[in-house]
PDB file of N, CA and C in Angstrom:
ATOM      1  N   MET A   1     -48.656 -43.552 169.702  1.00  0.00           N
ATOM      2  CA  MET A   1     -49.278 -41.697 170.463  1.00  0.00           C
ATOM      3  C   MET A   1     -47.508 -40.980 170.068  1.00  0.00           C
ATOM      4  N   TRP A   2     -46.833 -41.515 169.959  1.00  0.00           N
ATOM      5  CA  TRP A   2     -46.320 -40.630 169.708  1.00  0.00           C
ATOM      6  C   TRP A   2     -45.848 -40.157 168.560  1.00  0.00           C
ATOM      7  N   ARG A   3     -46.385 -40.740 167.698  1.00  0.00           N
ATOM      8  CA  ARG A   3     -45.887 -40.280 166.393  1.00  0.00           C
ATOM      9  C   ARG A   3     -46.403 -39.133 166.242  1.00  0.00           C
ATOM     10  N   TRP A   4     -48.324 -39.230 166.650  1.00  0.00           N
ATOM     11  CA  TRP A   4     -48.994 -37.684 166.991  1.00  0.00           C
ATOM     12  C   TRP A   4     -48.114 -36.573 167.192  1.00  0.00           C
ATOM     13  N   VAL A   5     -47.691 -37.350 168.918  1.00  0.00           N
ATOM     14  CA  VAL A   5     -46.842 -36.356 168.925  1.00  0.00           C
ATOM     15  C   VAL A   5     -45.425 -35.583 167.961  1.00  0.00           C
ATOM     16  N   ILE A   6     -45.151 -36.243 167.217  1.00  0.00           N
ATOM     17  CA  ILE A   6     -43.551 -36.374 166.712  1.00  0.00           C
ATOM     18  C   ILE A   6     -44.645 -35.236 165.587  1.00  0.00           C
ATOM     19  N   LEU A   7     -45.158 -35.753 165.069  1.00  0.00           N
ATOM     20  CA  LEU A   7     -45.926 -34.759 163.929  1.00  0.00           C
ATOM     21  C   LEU A   7     -46.262 -33.729 164.299  1.00  0.00           C
ATOM     22  N   PHE A   8     -46.898 -33.438 165.596  1.00  0.00           N
ATOM     23  CA  PHE A   8     -47.061 -31.750 165.440  1.00  0.00           C
ATOM     24  C   PHE A   8     -46.059 -30.959 166.150  1.00  0.00           C
ATOM     25  N   LEU A   9     -44.722 -31.824 166.233  1.00  0.00           N
ATOM     26  CA  LEU A   9     -43.949 -31.135 166.732  1.00  0.00           C
ATOM     27  C   LEU A   9     -42.424 -30.907 165.776  1.00  0.00           C
ATOM     28  N   VAL A  10     -42.903 -31.002 164.948  1.00  0.00           N
ATOM     29  CA  VAL A  10     -42.119 -31.253 163.600  1.00  0.00           C
ATOM     30  C   VAL A  10     -43.367 -30.163 162.880  1.00  0.00           C
ATOM     31  N   ALA A  11     -44.423 -29.604 162.871  1.00  0.00           N
ATOM     32  CA  ALA A  11     -45.007 -29.293 162.628  1.00  0.00           C
ATOM     33  C   ALA A  11     -44.558 -27.723 163.277  1.00  0.00           C
ATOM     34  N   THR A  12     -44.327 -27.320 164.903  1.00  0.00           N
ATOM     35  CA  THR A  12     -43.931 -26.549 165.573  1.00  0.00           C
ATOM     36  C   THR A  12     -43.014 -26.074 164.411  1.00  0.00           C
ATOM     37  N   PHE A  13     -41.978 -26.916 164.651  1.00  0.00           N
ATOM     38  CA  PHE A  13     -40.804 -25.932 163.904  1.00  0.00           C
ATOM     39  C   PHE A  13     -41.061 -25.453 162.712  1.00  0.00           C
ATOM     40  N   VAL A  14     -41.700 -26.779 162.010  1.00  0.00           N
ATOM     41  CA  VAL A  14     -41.441 -26.078 160.639  1.00  0.00           C
ATOM     42  C   VAL A  14     -42.961 -24.298 160.264  1.00  0.00           C
ATOM     43  N   ALA A  15     -43.170 -24.269 160.750  1.00  0.00           N
ATOM     44  CA  ALA A  15     -44.546 -23.301 161.916  1.00  0.00           C
ATOM     45  C   ALA A  15     -43.682 -21.068 162.036  1.00  0.00           C
ATOM     46  N   GLY A  16     -43.043 -21.761 162.742  1.00  0.00           N
ATOM     47  CA  GLY A  16     -42.099 -21.835 163.563  1.00  0.00           C
ATOM     48  C   GLY A  16     -40.442 -20.762 162.622  1.00  0.00           C
ATOM     49  N   ILE A  17     -40.392 -21.623 161.531  1.00  0.00           N
ATOM     50  CA  ILE A  17     -39.481 -21.204 159.935  1.00  0.00           C
ATOM     51  C   ILE A  17     -40.351 -20.401 159.684  1.00  0.00           C
ATOM     52  N   PHE A  18     -41.314 -20.475 159.334  1.00  0.00           N
ATOM     53  CA  PHE A  18     -42.277 -19.396 158.107  1.00  0.00           C
ATOM     54  C   PHE A  18     -43.725 -18.416 159.087  1.00  0.00           C
ATOM     55  N   ALA A  19     -42.673 -18.637 161.060  1.00  0.00           N
ATOM     56  CA  ALA A  19     -43.038 -17.078 161.159  1.00  0.00           C
ATOM     57  C   ALA A  19     -44.438 -17.130 160.929  1.00  0.00           C
ATOM     58  N   PHE A  20     -45.240 -18.532 160.666  1.00  0.00           N
ATOM     59  CA  PHE A  20     -47.177 -18.611 161.626  1.00  0.00           C
ATOM     60  C   PHE A  20     -47.232 -18.318 163.153  1.00  0.00           C
ATOM     61  N   ALA A  21     -47.016 -17.550 164.051  1.00  0.00           N
ATOM     62  CA  ALA A  21     -48.037 -17.533 165.032  1.00  0.00           C
ATOM     63  C   ALA A  21     -48.777 -18.081 165.506  1.00  0.00           C
ATOM     64  N   GLY A  22     -50.347 -18.106 164.582  1.00  0.00           N
ATOM     65  CA  GLY A  22     -51.379 -18.734 165.529  1.00  0.00           C
ATOM     66  C   GLY A  22     -51.086 -19.718 164.650  1.00  0.00           C
ATOM     67  N   LEU A  23     -50.563 -20.892 164.166  1.00  0.00           N
ATOM     68  CA  LEU A  23     -50.449 -21.804 164.297  1.00  0.00           C
ATOM     69  C   LEU A  23     -49.471 -22.997 164.997  1.00  0.00           C
ATOM     70  N   VAL A  24     -48.330 -22.536 165.148  1.00  0.00           N
ATOM     71  CA  VAL A  24     -47.787 -22.748 165.919  1.00  0.00           C
ATOM     72  C   VAL A  24     -48.398 -22.739 167.532  1.00  0.00           C
ATOM     73  N   VAL A  25     -48.785 -22.022 167.998  1.00  0.00           N
ATOM     74  CA  VAL A  25     -49.746 -21.725 169.110  1.00  0.00           C
ATOM     75  C   VAL A  25     -50.849 -22.780 168.506  1.00  0.00           C
ATOM     76  N   ALA A  26     -51.311 -23.677 167.737  1.00  0.00           N
ATOM     77  CA  ALA A  26     -52.108 -24.387 167.911  1.00  0.00           C
ATOM     78  C   ALA A  26     -51.622 -25.554 167.684  1.00  0.00           C
ATOM     79  N   ALA A  27     -50.430 -26.438 167.572  1.00  0.00           N
ATOM     80  CA  ALA A  27     -49.774 -26.793 167.144  1.00  0.00           C
ATOM     81  C   ALA A  27     -49.452 -27.560 168.818  1.00  0.00           C
ATOM     82  N   ILE A  28     -48.928 -26.627 168.755  1.00  0.00           N
ATOM     83  CA  ILE A  28     -48.034 -26.887 170.966  1.00  0.00           C
ATOM     84  C   ILE A  28     -49.181 -26.733 171.419  1.00  0.00           C
ATOM     85  N   ALA A  29     -49.893 -26.690 171.157  1.00  0.00           N
ATOM     86  CA  ALA A  29     -51.744 -26.505 172.654  1.00  0.00           C
ATOM     87  C   ALA A  29     -51.597 -28.342 171.680  1.00  0.00           C
ATOM     88  N   VAL A  30     -52.405 -28.164 171.362  1.00  0.00           N
ATOM     89  CA  VAL A  30     -52.541 -30.312 170.361  1.00  0.00           C
ATOM     90  C   VAL A  30     -50.997 -30.873 170.926  1.00  0.00           C
ATOM     91  N   ALA A  31     -49.585 -30.480 170.541  1.00  0.00           N
ATOM     92  CA  ALA A  31     -48.952 -30.908 171.376  1.00  0.00           C
ATOM     93  C   ALA A  31     -48.887 -31.011 173.109  1.00  0.00           C
ATOM     94  N   LYS A  32     -49.170 -30.399 173.261  1.00  0.00           N
ATOM     95  CA  LYS A  32     -49.537 -30.388 174.804  1.00  0.00           C
ATOM     96  C   LYS A  32     -50.578 -31.373 175.602  1.00  0.00           C
ATOM     97  N   LEU A  33     -51.473 -31.420 175.293  1.00  0.00           N
ATOM     98  CA  LEU A  33     -52.982 -32.074 175.015  1.00  0.00           C
ATOM     99  C   LEU A  33     -51.986 -34.316 174.925  1.00  0.00           C
ATOM    100  N   VAL A  34     -51.802 -34.604 173.100  1.00  0.00           N
ATOM    101  CA  VAL A  34     -51.853 -35.584 173.387  1.00  0.00           C
ATOM    102  C   VAL A  34     -50.218 -35.909 174.573  1.00  0.00           C
ATOM    103  N   PHE A  35     -49.540 -35.089 174.954  1.00  0.00           N
ATOM    104  CA  PHE A  35     -48.335 -35.353 175.591  1.00  0.00           C
ATOM    105  C   PHE A  35     -49.472 -35.891 177.153  1.00  0.00           C
ATOM    106  N   TYR A  36     -49.842 -34.499 177.943  1.00  0.00           N
ATOM    107  CA  TYR A  36     -50.700 -34.926 178.774  1.00  0.00           C
ATOM    108  C   TYR A  36     -51.776 -36.495 179.169  1.00  0.00           C
ATOM    109  N   LEU A  37     -52.740 -36.870 177.669  1.00  0.00           N
ATOM    110  CA  LEU A  37     -52.799 -37.216 177.741  1.00  0.00           C
ATOM    111  C   LEU A  37     -52.493 -38.899 176.955  1.00  0.00           C
ATOM    112  N   PHE A  38     -50.977 -38.978 176.851  1.00  0.00           N
ATOM    113  CA  PHE A  38     -50.585 -39.313 177.216  1.00  0.00           C
ATOM    114  C   PHE A  38     -49.874 -40.204 178.251  1.00  0.00           C
ATOM    115  N   LEU A  39     -49.569 -39.636 178.957  1.00  0.00           N
ATOM    116  CA  LEU A  39     -49.329 -39.369 180.564  1.00  0.00           C
ATOM    117  C   LEU A  39     -49.752 -39.764 181.274  1.00  0.00           C
ATOM    118  N   ILE A  40     -51.103 -39.387 181.257  1.00  0.00           N
ATOM    119  CA  ILE A  40     -52.981 -39.837 181.604  1.00  0.00           C
ATOM    120  C   ILE A  40     -52.856 -41.573 181.710  1.00  0.00           C
ATOM    121  N   LEU A  41     -52.727 -41.733 180.314  1.00  0.00           N
ATOM    122  CA  LEU A  41     -52.784 -43.198 180.184  1.00  0.00           C
ATOM    123  C   LEU A  41     -51.931 -44.048 180.865  1.00  0.00           C
ATOM    124  N   PHE A  42     -50.470 -43.965 180.931  1.00  0.00           N
ATOM    125  CA  PHE A  42     -49.515 -44.541 180.919  1.00  0.00           C
ATOM    126  C   PHE A  42     -49.410 -44.952 182.142  1.00  0.00           C
ATOM    127  N   LEU A  43     -50.126 -43.567 182.604  1.00  0.00           N
ATOM    128  CA  LEU A  43     -50.570 -43.856 184.373  1.00  0.00           C
ATOM    129  C   LEU A  43     -51.461 -44.502 185.147  1.00  0.00           C
ATOM    130  N   ILE A  44     -52.110 -44.344 184.300  1.00  0.00           N
ATOM    131  CA  ILE A  44     -53.735 -45.572 184.406  1.00  0.00           C
ATOM    132  C   ILE A  44     -53.094 -46.478 184.296  1.00  0.00           C
ATOM    133  N   ALA A  45     -52.502 -47.356 183.529  1.00  0.00           N
ATOM    134  CA  ALA A  45     -51.544 -48.894 182.645  1.00  0.00           C
ATOM    135  C   ALA A  45     -51.198 -48.847 184.249  1.00  0.00           C
ATOM    136  N   LEU A  46     -49.794 -47.791 184.169  1.00  0.00           N
ATOM    137  CA  LEU A  46     -49.148 -48.791 185.294  1.00  0.00           C
ATOM    138  C   LEU A  46     -50.090 -49.315 187.099  1.00  0.00           C
ATOM    139  N   ILE A  47     -50.797 -47.754 187.311  1.00  0.00           N
ATOM    140  CA  ILE A  47     -51.869 -48.139 188.430  1.00  0.00           C
ATOM    141  C   ILE A  47     -52.122 -49.211 188.162  1.00  0.00           C
ATOM    142  N   TYR A  48     -52.981 -50.029 186.867  1.00  0.00           N
ATOM    143  CA  TYR A  48     -54.131 -50.861 187.229  1.00  0.00           C
ATOM    144  C   TYR A  48     -52.615 -52.588 187.055  1.00  0.00           C
ATOM    145  N   ALA A  49     -51.583 -52.469 187.119  1.00  0.00           N
ATOM    146  CA  ALA A  49     -50.231 -53.299 186.217  1.00  0.00           C
ATOM    147  C   ALA A  49     -49.878 -53.624 187.453  1.00  0.00           C
ATOM    148  N   LEU A  50     -49.577 -52.647 188.593  1.00  0.00           N
ATOM    149  CA  LEU A  50     -49.287 -53.135 189.710  1.00  0.00           C
ATOM    150  C   LEU A  50     -50.404 -53.995 190.656  1.00  0.00           C
ATOM    151  N   THR A  51     -51.718 -53.050 190.728  1.00  0.00           N
ATOM    152  CA  THR A  51     -52.573 -53.251 191.802  1.00  0.00           C
ATOM    153  C   THR A  51     -53.021 -55.126 191.439  1.00  0.00           C
ATOM    154  N   ARG A  52     -53.335 -55.834 189.730  1.00  0.00           N
ATOM    155  CA  ARG A  52     -53.448 -56.056 189.066  1.00  0.00           C
ATOM    156  C   ARG A  52     -51.981 -57.780 189.748  1.00  0.00           C
ATOM    157  N   ASN A  53     -50.958 -57.135 190.013  1.00  0.00           N
ATOM    158  CA  ASN A  53     -50.343 -57.593 190.034  1.00  0.00           C
ATOM    159  C   ASN A  53     -50.233 -58.550 191.803  1.00  0.00           C
ATOM    160  N   LEU A  54     -50.176 -57.340 192.885  1.00  0.00           N
ATOM    161  CA  LEU A  54     -50.423 -57.014 193.987  1.00  0.00           C
ATOM    162  C   LEU A  54     -51.665 -58.412 194.431  1.00  0.00           C
ATOM    163  N   ARG A  55     -52.861 -58.263 193.322  1.00  0.00           N
ATOM    164  CA  ARG A  55     -53.294 -59.171 193.249  1.00  0.00           C
ATOM    165  C   ARG A  55     -53.182 -60.156 193.357  1.00  0.00           C
ATOM    166  N   SER A  56     -52.426 -61.391 192.290  1.00  0.00           N
ATOM    167  CA  SER A  56     -52.464 -61.863 191.681  1.00  0.00           C
ATOM    168  C   SER A  56     -51.216 -63.010 192.487  1.00  0.00           C
ATOM    169  N   ARG A  57     -50.646 -62.003 193.075  1.00  0.00           N
ATOM    170  CA  ARG A  57     -49.121 -62.435 195.168  1.00  0.00           C
ATOM    171  C   ARG A  57     -50.532 -63.425 195.916  1.00  0.00           C
ATOM    172  N   LYS A  58     -51.442 -61.798 195.975  1.00  0.00           N
ATOM    173  CA  LYS A  58     -52.100 -62.541 197.613  1.00  0.00           C
ATOM    174  C   LYS A  58     -53.078 -64.455 196.803  1.00  0.00           C
ATOM    175  N   LEU A  59     -53.249 -64.257 196.283  1.00  0.00           N
ATOM    176  CA  LEU A  59     -54.028 -65.365 195.771  1.00  0.00           C
ATOM    177  C   LEU A  59     -52.460 -66.427 196.226  1.00  0.00           C
TER     178      LEU A  59
END
Protein backbone atom coordinates (compact mmCIF):
# COMPACT_ATOMS: atom_id res chain seq x y z
CA MET A 1 0.00 0.00 0.00
CA TRP A 2 2.94 2.30 0.62
CA ARG A 3 3.88 1.91 -3.04
CA TRP A 4 0.53 3.44 -4.02
CA VAL A 5 1.02 6.36 -1.64
CA ILE A 6 4.49 7.05 -3.00
CA LEU A 7 3.26 6.66 -6.58
CA PHE A 8 0.49 9.22 -6.11
CA LEU A 9 2.84 11.54 -4.23
CA VAL A 10 5.28 11.49 -7.14
CA ALA A 11 2.40 11.93 -9.61
CA THR A 12 1.24 14.96 -7.62
CA PHE A 13 4.68 16.57 -7.74
CA VAL A 14 5.09 15.88 -11.45
CA ALA A 15 1.64 17.27 -12.18
CA GLY A 16 2.43 20.31 -10.05
CA ILE A 17 5.59 20.96 -12.04
CA PHE A 18 3.64 20.88 -15.29
CA ALA A 19 0.75 22.88 -13.73
CA PHE A 20 -2.00 20.33 -14.33
CA ALA A 21 -4.25 21.64 -11.57
CA GLY A 22 -7.03 19.09 -12.12
CA LEU A 23 -4.61 16.17 -12.04
CA VAL A 24 -2.98 17.50 -8.88
CA VAL A 25 -6.30 17.67 -7.07
CA ALA A 26 -7.24 14.17 -8.18
CA ALA A 27 -3.87 12.70 -7.19
CA ILE A 28 -3.99 14.39 -3.79
CA ALA A 29 -7.50 13.06 -3.20
CA VAL A 30 -6.46 9.51 -4.08
CA ALA A 31 -3.31 9.78 -1.95
CA LYS A 32 -5.38 10.96 1.02
CA LEU A 33 -7.84 8.14 0.52
CA VAL A 34 -5.09 5.52 0.39
CA PHE A 35 -3.40 7.04 3.46
CA TYR A 36 -6.58 7.02 5.56
CA LEU A 37 -7.43 3.52 4.39
CA PHE A 38 -3.96 2.36 5.46
CA LEU A 39 -4.34 4.13 8.80
CA ILE A 40 -7.73 2.52 9.49
CA LEU A 41 -6.48 -0.94 8.54
CA PHE A 42 -3.42 -0.45 10.75
CA LEU A 43 -5.56 0.54 13.74
CA ILE A 44 -7.89 -2.43 13.20
CA ALA A 45 -4.91 -4.80 13.04
CA LEU A 46 -3.38 -3.22 16.14
CA ILE A 47 -6.60 -3.52 18.15
CA TYR A 48 -7.06 -7.10 16.99
CA ALA A 49 -3.50 -8.02 17.97
CA LEU A 50 -3.82 -6.39 21.39
CA THR A 51 -7.13 -8.07 22.18
CA ARG A 52 -5.84 -11.42 20.94
CA ASN A 53 -2.77 -11.04 23.14
CA LEU A 54 -4.91 -10.21 26.19
CA ARG A 55 -7.16 -13.20 25.58
CA SER A 56 -4.19 -15.55 25.35
CA ARG A 57 -2.81 -14.29 28.69
CA LYS A 58 -6.10 -15.02 30.51
CA LEU A 59 -6.00 -18.67 29.51
